[in-house]
Amino acid sequence: MISESDIRVCNQDVQDIYVKLYIMDKDDNILDEISGQINDGTIDMDGTANIQRQVSNLKIILDNASINKLLPNKSDSLIWTNKYFQLLVGIRDLLKKPNDSDYIHYFNMGIFLYKTAELNYSTTESSVTINGLDKMCKFTGDLGGSFENDIKIENSGVPITEAIRHI
C-alpha cells in the first residue's frame, strides 16, 4: 500500500537510489539478498509487449561481502542460469536518519531472470551490471533458446527421451 511518506519520497528533488535483489531458486524460494546503491541503468515497462518488464545495464555498487557471493567460480554463486532475482528499488528519505526503519523506501519491481551479468572488481570499487527479463521470457523463447523449425516426433515405438536426443 502506498503511503503519504512514499509519495513524498518519490517527489524529492534529490534522490539517492538503492536496490535490493532477493536471489531466488526456480521455486521462488529466497536464497540470499544482495543490496547496494544504483549507479546506472533503466527498468523499462511496456504493458503491450510479451515481455513487459526489462532491466537494462543496472549497475549496482557492492561491498566486498556481496561481491564474494557473486563470484562465478563458486558452485553456489548467486548469479547462475537456475537463479532468478526479485528487484526492489529504494529511495532514501532525506528527512530520516540512517538508523530509522524507514530510511529507505523500497518498491517491488518484479521477478526477473538473468539475461547477462558482468562483475567488475577493483581495489576502489566493486559492482555488478545486470540485464534481466521478467518471467514471461520463459514462454517466448527469449531466454533458454528455441528451435528454428517446428519439430515433429512420430509415434514409432521409440521412447520420447531417445527421440529428443537425436534432434
Foldseek 3Di string as FASTA:
>chain_A
DDDPLNVVLVPDPDWWKKKKKQKAFPVRDGDDIFIATWDDWDWAADPVDLFGIKTAFTKGWGDPVRVVLQDPVDPNRSQDQRMKIWMWMWIADPVDDPVDPPRIDIDTPAIWGFPDKDWDDDPVTTIMTTITTHPSCVVVQPPPHDDPDDDDDDPPVDDPVVVVVVD
